[in-house]
Amino acid sequence: MTSKIEHLERIADAIEENIGGFGNVTTLINCMTRVRIVLRDRSQFNHEALRKVEGVKGVVDAGEQYQVIVGAGTAAKVAGVLNKRMQGAGNGASSAAVDEAPKPFSVRRSLNTLAAIFVPTIPALIGCGLVLGLVNMVKLISPEFAASHQDLFLLLTVIGKAVFTVLAVMIGMNTAKELQASPAIGAVMAAVLAAPDLASIKLFGFSLMPGGGGIFAVLLVCVFAAKFELWFRRHCKESLDLILTPTVTILVSSLAALLILQPAAHAVNLWLGNLVSLALLNHSAGSVVVGAVLGGSFLFLLLTGLHQGLIPIHAQILETFGLNYLFPILSMGGMGQVGAAAYVYLKTRNPRLKKTVAGALPVGILGVGEPLLFGVSLPLGKPFIAGCIGGAAGGAVIAACKVGIIIPFGTAGLSLLPLVGPGQILAFLLAVLCAWCVGFIAAMILGFTDPLEQ
């Protein structure tokens, strides 16, 4: 236990030392595998020193945000250590951005904001998803047992689906918090969109739709509400702020949401649904080709950390079709990388590289690919290409078999097994095996330059 704490402290020490101190931090948050940091003075960030720190798998410059990759589970703990230190030092910018002046629009900043909005929901999605997955697996393996304990399995199903009951509210709160507005108002706006009584209301000739527009509507409305709240507060007298700002924000945002933003988001949903049906759910060779392209190209997006920007799309596909057919395809990029790394492990004579692969392979198999990506594939070059080829093979099989998962996003690899759709476990395993084998064979054909002994 002590060694683990000391390990976290050493990583936290290295990060603090190489970012210019806490006074230079604007934002410090974490996702599943990365500590995400926005600095006031980027010139004080020391890439090379951090890359050499034991426990740091890689460092990514995502535009205005630096991402220090430390691994699943470790990221949250390291961020917790750093945030506690920052609070102790009296730095109030530990978990939310504090910008002195508005910045111009940036696609990269928008994607980073999306990641910060959705990442906090991942533990709940994975936990509830696994409960649903285990229920489905027991029903598949032993339907008699499930039938004889019907109330128990009904309760577990209720528990597993609970996250989807509050997901929109969580996203509303996180959106407002990221934009420095009131999280409670963000939650209220998400609740307004889903209110069942909307179905019986017509406003200015428009029939209102509870839940219309899905996750895209929640994002649009909560961004609008947050921006309006901040604008109104700047122009409102301080003595009236507590009463007028929330009241006017909720009324104006609700009207804008129900008459403009929600219908617009609903149109986007219809377009996305048609696109997914055309590209992935048709039974032609075209869907297989699309699956191969997506599975083979995903590692390039993972390099920048911008894969988090796909999360709203994952959530909307799940809401539209009942299964997310995109995420399993993209997860095959990591499986192709596993196959390529396995070949590296067998062929390398470098003891340090062999040790790195041996430590990263198990978590890579379970779906956490950054240690392999930044510790093995990218430094060697050709195994990265081999991993992409393996991912293309796995993605093609996933698309051909129409495999989906029961949650919008989460971990990947074999940890997805309980989360795949009913009756799709064998197809998923076949895709994983194809990605491993093709990645291994591609690495064998391409080869790699073994690093000198260290």
Protein backbone atom coordinates (compact mmCIF):
# COMPACT_ATOMS: atom_id res chain seq x y z
CA MET A 1 0.00 0.00 0.00
CA THR A 2 2.78 2.38 0.89
CA SER A 3 4.58 1.74 -2.39
CA LYS A 4 1.44 2.61 -4.37
CA ILE A 5 1.02 5.86 -2.47
CA GLU A 6 4.67 6.72 -2.98
CA HIS A 7 4.30 5.93 -6.69
CA LEU A 8 1.37 8.35 -7.00
CA GLU A 9 3.24 11.00 -5.04
CA ARG A 10 6.30 10.67 -7.31
CA ILE A 11 4.19 11.13 -10.43
CA ALA A 12 2.41 14.10 -8.84
CA ASP A 13 5.77 15.61 -7.83
CA ALA A 14 7.05 15.28 -11.40
CA ILE A 15 3.94 16.88 -12.87
CA GLU A 16 4.01 19.78 -10.40
CA GLU A 17 7.70 20.37 -11.07
CA ASN A 18 7.39 20.31 -14.86
CA ILE A 19 4.29 22.48 -15.36
CA GLY A 20 5.71 25.59 -13.76
CA GLY A 21 4.02 25.10 -10.39
CA PHE A 22 0.39 25.37 -9.39
CA GLY A 23 0.31 29.11 -9.96
CA ASN A 24 0.62 28.37 -13.68
CA VAL A 25 -2.44 26.07 -13.76
CA THR A 26 -5.76 27.18 -15.20
CA THR A 27 -7.44 23.77 -15.34
CA LEU A 28 -6.47 20.37 -13.97
CA ILE A 29 -8.87 17.47 -14.49
CA ASN A 30 -8.60 13.82 -15.50
CA CYS A 31 -10.22 11.32 -17.82
CA MET A 32 -9.86 7.54 -17.59
CA THR A 33 -6.16 7.41 -18.42
CA ARG A 34 -4.92 11.01 -18.63
CA VAL A 35 -4.34 14.03 -16.41
CA ARG A 36 -5.52 16.98 -18.51
CA ILE A 37 -3.89 20.34 -17.78
CA VAL A 38 -4.40 23.84 -19.18
CA LEU A 39 -1.59 26.26 -18.34
CA ARG A 40 -1.35 30.03 -18.35
CA ASP A 41 2.23 29.96 -19.64
CA ARG A 42 2.78 26.96 -21.92
CA SER A 43 6.50 27.64 -22.21
CA GLN A 44 6.99 26.33 -18.66
CA PHE A 45 5.77 22.83 -19.58
CA ASN A 46 8.68 20.37 -19.87
CA HIS A 47 7.70 17.58 -22.28
CA GLU A 48 10.96 15.68 -22.23
CA ALA A 49 11.35 15.58 -18.46
CA LEU A 50 7.82 14.27 -17.96
CA ARG A 51 8.20 11.58 -20.62
CA LYS A 52 11.15 10.14 -18.69
CA VAL A 53 9.23 9.84 -15.41
CA GLU A 54 8.51 6.28 -14.33
CA GLY A 55 4.77 5.70 -14.54
CA VAL A 56 4.16 8.28 -17.27
CA LYS A 57 3.13 6.42 -20.44
CA GLY A 58 3.19 9.44 -22.72
CA VAL A 59 2.59 13.18 -23.05
CA VAL A 60 0.23 14.69 -25.62
CA ASP A 61 0.02 18.34 -26.64
CA ALA A 62 -3.68 18.73 -27.54
CA GLY A 63 -3.49 22.39 -28.53
CA GLU A 64 -4.27 24.45 -25.44
CA GLN A 65 -4.40 21.37 -23.23
CA TYR A 66 -1.60 19.04 -22.18
CA GLN A 67 -2.45 15.42 -21.46
CA VAL A 68 -0.16 13.34 -19.24
CA ILE A 69 -0.97 9.66 -19.77
CA VAL A 70 -0.55 7.63 -16.57
CA GLY A 71 -3.02 4.79 -17.06
CA ALA A 72 -6.53 3.70 -16.06
CA GLY A 73 -7.31 4.31 -12.40
CA THR A 74 -3.99 6.06 -11.83
CA ALA A 75 -5.16 9.22 -13.62
CA ALA A 76 -7.95 9.88 -11.13
CA LYS A 77 -5.67 9.23 -8.16
CA VAL A 78 -2.86 11.46 -9.42
CA ALA A 79 -5.33 14.24 -10.26
CA GLY A 80 -6.77 13.87 -6.76
CA VAL A 81 -3.32 14.26 -5.19
CA LEU A 82 -2.59 17.33 -7.31
CA ASN A 83 -5.98 18.93 -6.63
CA LYS A 84 -5.56 18.42 -2.88
CA ARG A 85 -2.15 20.09 -3.04
CA MET A 86 -3.55 22.97 -5.08
CA GLN A 87 -6.37 23.55 -2.62
CA GLY A 88 -3.89 23.46 0.22
CA ALA A 89 -1.83 26.06 -1.60
CA GLY A 90 -4.89 28.29 -1.96
CA ASN A 91 -5.16 27.87 -5.74
CA GLY A 92 -8.83 28.03 -6.67
CA ALA A 93 -8.40 26.86 -10.25
CA SER A 94 -7.98 23.19 -9.38
CA SER A 95 -10.83 21.63 -11.27
CA ALA A 96 -12.50 24.32 -13.37
CA ALA A 97 -11.21 26.80 -15.84
CA VAL A 98 -10.75 30.36 -14.70
CA ASP A 99 -10.21 32.49 -17.76
CA GLU A 100 -9.49 36.14 -17.37
CA ALA A 101 -10.88 36.99 -20.82
CA PRO A 102 -13.04 35.18 -23.38
CA LYS A 103 -11.03 33.26 -25.96
CA PRO A 104 -11.85 32.90 -29.67
CA PHE A 105 -13.62 29.75 -30.82
CA SER A 106 -11.37 26.73 -31.20
CA VAL A 107 -12.41 23.27 -32.45
CA ARG A 108 -9.78 21.63 -30.30
CA ARG A 109 -10.90 23.54 -27.20
CA SER A 110 -14.51 22.58 -27.93
CA LEU A 111 -13.59 18.90 -28.15
CA ASN A 112 -11.63 19.13 -24.92
CA THR A 113 -14.68 20.70 -23.28
CA LEU A 114 -16.86 17.85 -24.56
CA ALA A 115 -14.45 15.37 -23.02
CA ALA A 116 -14.58 17.20 -19.69
CA ILE A 117 -18.40 17.14 -19.80
CA PHE A 118 -18.78 13.41 -20.49
CA VAL A 119 -15.76 11.83 -18.79
CA PRO A 120 -17.20 12.19 -15.25
CA THR A 121 -20.15 10.00 -16.33
CA ILE A 122 -17.95 7.09 -17.40
CA PRO A 123 -17.73 5.29 -14.02
CA ALA A 124 -21.54 5.29 -13.68
CA LEU A 125 -22.01 4.11 -17.27
CA ILE A 126 -19.50 1.30 -16.91
CA GLY A 127 -20.84 0.19 -13.52
CA CYS A 128 -24.49 0.15 -14.59
CA GLY A 129 -23.59 -1.29 -17.98
CA LEU A 130 -21.76 -4.19 -16.41
CA VAL A 131 -24.76 -4.89 -14.17
CA LEU A 132 -26.99 -5.07 -17.28
CA GLY A 133 -24.37 -7.12 -19.10
CA LEU A 134 -24.10 -9.66 -16.30
CA VAL A 135 -27.89 -9.94 -16.18
CA ASN A 136 -27.95 -10.67 -19.91
CA MET A 137 -25.15 -13.21 -19.62
CA VAL A 138 -26.88 -15.10 -16.80
CA LYS A 139 -30.14 -15.13 -18.78
CA LEU A 140 -28.23 -16.52 -21.77
CA ILE A 141 -26.24 -19.15 -19.85
CA SER A 142 -28.89 -20.20 -17.32
CA PRO A 143 -32.39 -18.97 -18.26
CA GLU A 144 -33.95 -21.33 -15.68
CA PHE A 145 -32.01 -19.69 -12.85
CA ALA A 146 -33.01 -16.23 -14.05
CA ALA A 147 -36.66 -17.28 -14.32
CA SER A 148 -36.67 -18.73 -10.80
CA HIS A 149 -35.25 -15.48 -9.38
CA GLN A 150 -37.32 -13.10 -11.48
CA ASP A 151 -37.66 -10.34 -8.87
CA LEU A 152 -33.91 -10.28 -8.23
CA PHE A 153 -33.10 -9.92 -11.91
CA LEU A 154 -35.82 -7.30 -12.33
CA LEU A 155 -34.19 -5.31 -9.50
CA LEU A 156 -30.74 -5.66 -11.09
CA THR A 157 -32.18 -4.46 -14.40
CA VAL A 158 -33.65 -1.39 -12.67
CA ILE A 159 -30.25 -0.70 -11.09
CA GLY A 160 -28.47 -1.12 -14.43
CA LYS A 161 -30.82 1.25 -16.24
CA ALA A 162 -30.73 3.90 -13.51
CA VAL A 163 -27.81 5.73 -15.13
CA PHE A 164 -29.85 6.42 -18.26
CA THR A 165 -32.58 8.00 -16.11
CA VAL A 166 -30.19 10.67 -14.82
CA LEU A 167 -27.64 10.81 -17.67
CA ALA A 168 -29.13 13.93 -19.25
CA VAL A 169 -29.20 15.71 -15.88
CA MET A 170 -25.55 14.79 -15.20
CA ILE A 171 -24.57 16.10 -18.63
CA GLY A 172 -26.54 19.30 -18.02
CA MET A 173 -24.75 19.88 -14.72
CA ASN A 174 -21.32 19.12 -16.19
CA THR A 175 -21.93 21.40 -19.17
CA ALA A 176 -22.83 24.35 -16.96
CA LYS A 177 -19.89 23.66 -14.66
CA GLU A 178 -17.42 23.55 -17.57
CA LEU A 179 -18.74 26.86 -18.87
CA GLN A 180 -18.49 28.42 -15.38
CA ALA A 181 -22.26 28.76 -15.03
CA SER A 182 -24.61 27.31 -12.39
CA PRO A 183 -24.67 23.46 -12.45
CA ALA A 184 -28.14 23.50 -10.83
CA ILE A 185 -29.57 25.50 -13.74
CA GLY A 186 -27.91 23.09 -16.18
CA ALA A 187 -29.64 20.20 -14.40
CA VAL A 188 -32.99 22.03 -14.53
CA MET A 189 -32.71 22.65 -18.27
CA ALA A 190 -31.96 18.97 -18.92
CA ALA A 191 -34.99 18.04 -16.81
CA VAL A 192 -37.22 20.47 -18.71
CA LEU A 193 -36.35 18.76 -22.01
CA ALA A 194 -37.31 15.33 -20.66
CA ALA A 195 -40.48 16.33 -18.76
CA PRO A 196 -43.24 13.83 -19.72
CA ASP A 197 -45.97 16.53 -19.53
CA LEU A 198 -44.49 18.21 -22.63
CA ALA A 199 -46.31 15.63 -24.75
CA SER A 200 -49.68 17.21 -23.91
CA ILE A 201 -48.63 20.80 -24.71
CA LYS A 202 -48.81 22.82 -27.92
CA LEU A 203 -46.96 26.13 -27.99
CA PHE A 204 -47.48 28.62 -30.84
CA GLY A 205 -48.79 25.72 -32.92
CA PHE A 206 -45.83 23.47 -32.19
CA SER A 207 -46.32 20.09 -30.50
CA LEU A 208 -43.65 19.65 -27.85
CA MET A 209 -41.61 16.44 -27.58
CA PRO A 210 -40.33 15.11 -24.25
CA GLY A 211 -36.77 13.88 -24.78
CA GLY A 212 -36.72 15.08 -28.39
CA GLY A 213 -33.24 15.73 -29.72
CA GLY A 214 -31.60 13.45 -27.13
CA ILE A 215 -28.10 14.21 -25.93
CA PHE A 216 -27.47 16.78 -28.67
CA ALA A 217 -30.47 18.78 -27.43
CA VAL A 218 -29.19 18.68 -23.84
CA LEU A 219 -25.80 19.96 -24.95
CA LEU A 220 -27.22 22.73 -27.13
CA VAL A 221 -29.69 23.92 -24.54
CA CYS A 222 -27.29 23.81 -21.61
CA VAL A 223 -24.59 25.66 -23.57
CA PHE A 224 -27.16 28.31 -24.51
CA ALA A 225 -28.39 28.56 -20.90
CA ALA A 226 -24.85 28.84 -19.52
CA LYS A 227 -23.85 31.56 -21.98
CA PHE A 228 -27.10 33.46 -21.40
CA GLU A 229 -26.70 33.21 -17.61
CA LEU A 230 -23.17 34.62 -17.73
CA TRP A 231 -24.23 37.42 -20.09
CA PHE A 232 -27.29 38.36 -18.02
CA ARG A 233 -25.33 38.31 -14.75
CA ARG A 234 -22.80 40.78 -16.17
CA HIS A 235 -25.62 43.23 -16.98
CA CYS A 236 -27.79 42.67 -13.92
CA LYS A 237 -27.58 44.79 -10.77
CA GLU A 238 -25.80 42.94 -8.01
CA SER A 239 -28.71 43.43 -5.58
CA LEU A 240 -31.11 41.71 -8.02
CA ASP A 241 -28.76 39.04 -9.33
CA LEU A 242 -29.84 36.22 -7.01
CA ILE A 243 -33.51 36.63 -7.97
CA LEU A 244 -33.48 37.77 -11.59
CA THR A 245 -30.56 35.84 -13.12
CA PRO A 246 -31.80 32.27 -12.50
CA THR A 247 -35.44 33.14 -13.19
CA VAL A 248 -34.82 34.92 -16.48
CA THR A 249 -32.22 32.34 -17.54
CA ILE A 250 -34.61 29.41 -17.01
CA LEU A 251 -37.55 31.12 -18.74
CA VAL A 252 -35.62 32.39 -21.76
CA SER A 253 -33.61 29.19 -22.14
CA SER A 254 -36.73 27.02 -21.88
CA LEU A 255 -38.48 28.96 -24.66
CA ALA A 256 -35.38 28.87 -26.86
CA ALA A 257 -34.96 25.18 -26.13
CA LEU A 258 -38.49 24.02 -26.85
CA LEU A 259 -39.12 26.22 -29.90
CA ILE A 260 -35.70 26.26 -31.61
CA LEU A 261 -32.88 24.21 -30.13
CA GLN A 262 -34.68 20.95 -29.39
CA PRO A 263 -36.28 20.73 -32.88
CA ALA A 264 -32.88 21.51 -34.43
CA ALA A 265 -31.23 18.76 -32.39
CA HIS A 266 -34.02 16.36 -33.38
CA ALA A 267 -33.25 17.07 -37.04
CA VAL A 268 -29.55 16.33 -36.39
CA ASN A 269 -30.56 13.05 -34.72
CA LEU A 270 -32.58 12.00 -37.74
CA TRP A 271 -29.65 12.81 -40.01
CA LEU A 272 -27.21 10.88 -37.80
CA GLY A 273 -29.55 7.90 -37.62
CA ASN A 274 -29.87 7.81 -41.40
CA LEU A 275 -26.10 8.10 -41.78
CA VAL A 276 -25.42 5.23 -39.37
CA SER A 277 -28.07 3.08 -41.05
CA LEU A 278 -26.57 3.77 -44.45
CA ALA A 279 -22.92 3.37 -43.46
CA LEU A 280 -22.95 0.59 -40.85
CA LEU A 281 -26.27 -1.20 -40.69
CA ASN A 282 -26.86 -2.05 -44.33
CA HIS A 283 -26.00 -5.57 -45.47
CA SER A 284 -23.73 -4.62 -48.35
CA ALA A 285 -19.97 -4.78 -48.67
CA GLY A 286 -19.95 -1.01 -48.18
CA SER A 287 -20.60 -1.30 -44.44
CA VAL A 288 -17.65 -3.70 -44.13
CA VAL A 289 -15.40 -1.21 -45.90
CA VAL A 290 -16.60 1.60 -43.61
CA GLY A 291 -15.90 -0.61 -40.59
CA ALA A 292 -12.38 -1.30 -41.85
CA VAL A 293 -11.66 2.39 -42.43
CA LEU A 294 -12.96 3.38 -39.00
CA GLY A 295 -11.19 0.56 -37.16
CA GLY A 296 -7.94 1.22 -38.98
CA SER A 297 -7.90 4.98 -38.51
CA PHE A 298 -8.97 5.24 -34.88
CA LEU A 299 -5.43 5.07 -33.44
CA PHE A 300 -4.57 8.30 -35.25
CA LEU A 301 -7.41 10.05 -33.39
CA LEU A 302 -6.36 8.43 -30.12
CA LEU A 303 -2.90 9.98 -30.53
CA THR A 304 -4.31 13.44 -29.88
CA GLY A 305 -6.80 12.48 -27.20
CA LEU A 306 -9.57 13.97 -29.35
CA HIS A 307 -11.40 10.63 -29.48
CA GLN A 308 -13.33 11.98 -26.49
CA GLY A 309 -15.06 14.34 -28.90
CA LEU A 310 -16.95 11.35 -30.34
CA ILE A 311 -18.73 10.69 -27.03
CA PRO A 312 -21.93 12.66 -27.87
CA ILE A 313 -22.20 10.70 -31.11
CA HIS A 314 -21.82 7.42 -29.22
CA ALA A 315 -24.55 8.45 -26.80
CA GLN A 316 -26.91 9.46 -29.57
CA ILE A 317 -26.39 6.26 -31.57
CA LEU A 318 -27.26 4.24 -28.46
CA GLU A 319 -30.38 6.33 -27.86
CA THR A 320 -31.49 5.95 -31.49
CA PHE A 321 -30.82 2.25 -32.07
CA GLY A 322 -30.70 0.71 -28.58
CA LEU A 323 -27.09 -0.39 -29.19
CA ASN A 324 -23.97 1.62 -30.05
CA TYR A 325 -22.60 0.15 -33.27
CA LEU A 326 -19.71 2.60 -33.61
CA PHE A 327 -17.72 2.10 -30.40
CA PRO A 328 -16.95 -1.63 -30.91
CA ILE A 329 -15.57 -0.86 -34.37
CA LEU A 330 -13.24 1.83 -33.03
CA SER A 331 -12.12 -0.41 -30.17
CA MET A 332 -10.58 -2.79 -32.69
CA GLY A 333 -7.73 -0.32 -33.25
CA GLY A 334 -6.47 -1.19 -29.79
CA MET A 335 -6.84 -4.91 -30.48
CA GLY A 336 -4.76 -4.67 -33.66
CA GLN A 337 -2.12 -2.94 -31.59
CA VAL A 338 -2.15 -5.85 -29.13
CA GLY A 339 -1.33 -8.25 -31.97
CA ALA A 340 1.52 -6.08 -33.23
CA ALA A 341 2.93 -5.68 -29.71
CA ALA A 342 2.80 -9.45 -29.16
CA TYR A 343 5.12 -9.89 -32.15
CA VAL A 344 7.45 -7.22 -30.75
CA TYR A 345 7.56 -9.09 -27.44
CA LEU A 346 8.56 -12.33 -29.16
CA LYS A 347 11.26 -10.77 -31.37
CA THR A 348 12.90 -8.04 -29.30
CA ARG A 349 16.17 -8.67 -27.51
CA ASN A 350 15.99 -5.41 -25.63
CA PRO A 351 15.16 -6.27 -22.00
CA ARG A 352 13.66 -2.86 -21.24
CA LEU A 353 11.35 -3.01 -24.28
CA LYS A 354 10.38 -6.58 -23.43
CA LYS A 355 9.49 -5.50 -19.90
CA THR A 356 7.46 -2.56 -21.21
CA VAL A 357 5.46 -4.79 -23.56
CA ALA A 358 4.91 -7.40 -20.86
CA GLY A 359 3.47 -4.74 -18.54
CA ALA A 360 1.33 -3.04 -21.18
CA LEU A 361 -0.09 -6.10 -22.95
CA PRO A 362 -2.52 -7.23 -20.21
CA VAL A 363 -4.16 -3.81 -19.88
CA GLY A 364 -4.12 -3.48 -23.67
CA ILE A 365 -6.05 -6.73 -23.98
CA LEU A 366 -8.62 -5.34 -21.57
CA GLY A 367 -8.93 -2.19 -23.68
CA VAL A 368 -6.60 0.44 -22.21
CA GLY A 369 -4.32 1.05 -25.17
CA GLU A 370 -2.25 4.13 -24.26
CA PRO A 371 0.62 2.23 -22.57
CA LEU A 372 1.13 0.14 -25.71
CA LEU A 373 0.57 3.07 -28.04
CA PHE A 374 2.98 5.51 -26.42
CA GLY A 375 5.38 3.01 -24.89
CA VAL A 376 5.78 0.55 -27.76
CA SER A 377 3.99 1.18 -31.08
CA LEU A 378 4.75 4.84 -31.71
CA PRO A 379 8.43 4.75 -30.66
CA LEU A 380 9.03 1.78 -32.98
CA GLY A 381 6.99 3.16 -35.88
CA LYS A 382 6.15 0.15 -38.01
CA PRO A 383 4.26 -1.74 -35.27
CA PHE A 384 1.94 1.27 -35.09
CA ILE A 385 1.08 0.81 -38.77
CA ALA A 386 0.68 -2.92 -38.19
CA GLY A 387 -1.73 -2.20 -35.34
CA CYS A 388 -3.81 0.03 -37.62
CA ILE A 389 -3.98 -2.78 -40.19
CA GLY A 390 -5.13 -5.19 -37.49
CA GLY A 391 -7.72 -2.65 -36.33
CA ALA A 392 -9.05 -2.44 -39.89
CA ALA A 393 -9.52 -6.21 -39.99
CA GLY A 394 -11.31 -6.26 -36.65
CA GLY A 395 -13.47 -3.27 -37.58
CA ALA A 396 -14.53 -4.99 -40.80
CA VAL A 397 -15.68 -8.08 -38.88
CA ILE A 398 -17.56 -5.97 -36.30
CA ALA A 399 -19.34 -4.10 -39.09
CA ALA A 400 -20.13 -7.30 -40.99
CA CYS A 401 -21.64 -8.92 -37.88
CA LYS A 402 -23.44 -5.73 -36.72
CA VAL A 403 -22.04 -5.94 -33.18
CA GLY A 404 -23.17 -3.22 -30.76
CA ILE A 405 -22.80 -2.47 -27.05
CA ILE A 406 -25.45 -1.60 -24.46
CA ILE A 407 -23.77 1.58 -23.14
CA PRO A 408 -22.62 4.59 -25.17
CA PHE A 409 -18.90 4.29 -24.36
CA GLY A 410 -16.45 2.98 -21.78
CA THR A 411 -13.52 0.63 -21.79
CA ALA A 412 -12.69 -1.48 -24.82
CA GLY A 413 -11.07 -4.82 -25.60
CA LEU A 414 -12.16 -7.94 -23.73
CA SER A 415 -13.67 -5.80 -20.97
CA LEU A 416 -16.49 -5.10 -23.46
CA LEU A 417 -17.59 -8.74 -23.43
CA PRO A 418 -20.39 -8.33 -20.86
CA LEU A 419 -21.54 -5.18 -22.66
CA VAL A 420 -22.05 -6.46 -26.20
CA GLY A 421 -25.57 -6.95 -27.49
CA PRO A 422 -27.56 -10.13 -26.89
CA GLY A 423 -26.21 -13.08 -28.86
CA GLN A 424 -23.18 -11.15 -30.18
CA ILE A 425 -20.40 -12.39 -27.89
CA LEU A 426 -19.02 -14.94 -30.35
CA ALA A 427 -19.02 -12.41 -33.19
CA PHE A 428 -17.18 -9.93 -30.98
CA LEU A 429 -14.58 -12.55 -30.00
CA LEU A 430 -14.10 -13.42 -33.67
CA ALA A 431 -13.42 -9.74 -34.46
CA VAL A 432 -10.92 -9.48 -31.58
CA LEU A 433 -9.13 -12.63 -32.76
CA CYS A 434 -8.96 -11.28 -36.33
CA ALA A 435 -7.51 -7.96 -35.11
CA TRP A 436 -4.89 -9.77 -33.01
CA CYS A 437 -3.86 -12.16 -35.79
CA VAL A 438 -3.77 -9.58 -38.59
CA GLY A 439 -1.89 -7.11 -36.36
CA PHE A 440 0.64 -9.83 -35.50
CA ILE A 441 1.10 -10.89 -39.15
CA ALA A 442 1.36 -7.27 -40.34
CA ALA A 443 4.06 -6.61 -37.73
CA MET A 444 5.88 -9.73 -38.87
CA ILE A 445 5.81 -8.54 -42.49
CA LEU A 446 6.72 -4.92 -41.76
CA GLY A 447 9.31 -5.75 -39.08
CA PHE A 448 10.84 -3.16 -36.74
CA THR A 449 14.21 -1.86 -35.70
CA ASP A 450 15.06 -3.35 -32.33
CA PRO A 451 16.42 -0.64 -29.98
CA LEU A 452 19.98 -1.06 -28.78
CA GLU A 453 20.55 -2.78 -25.46
CA GLN A 454 19.99 -0.45 -22.50
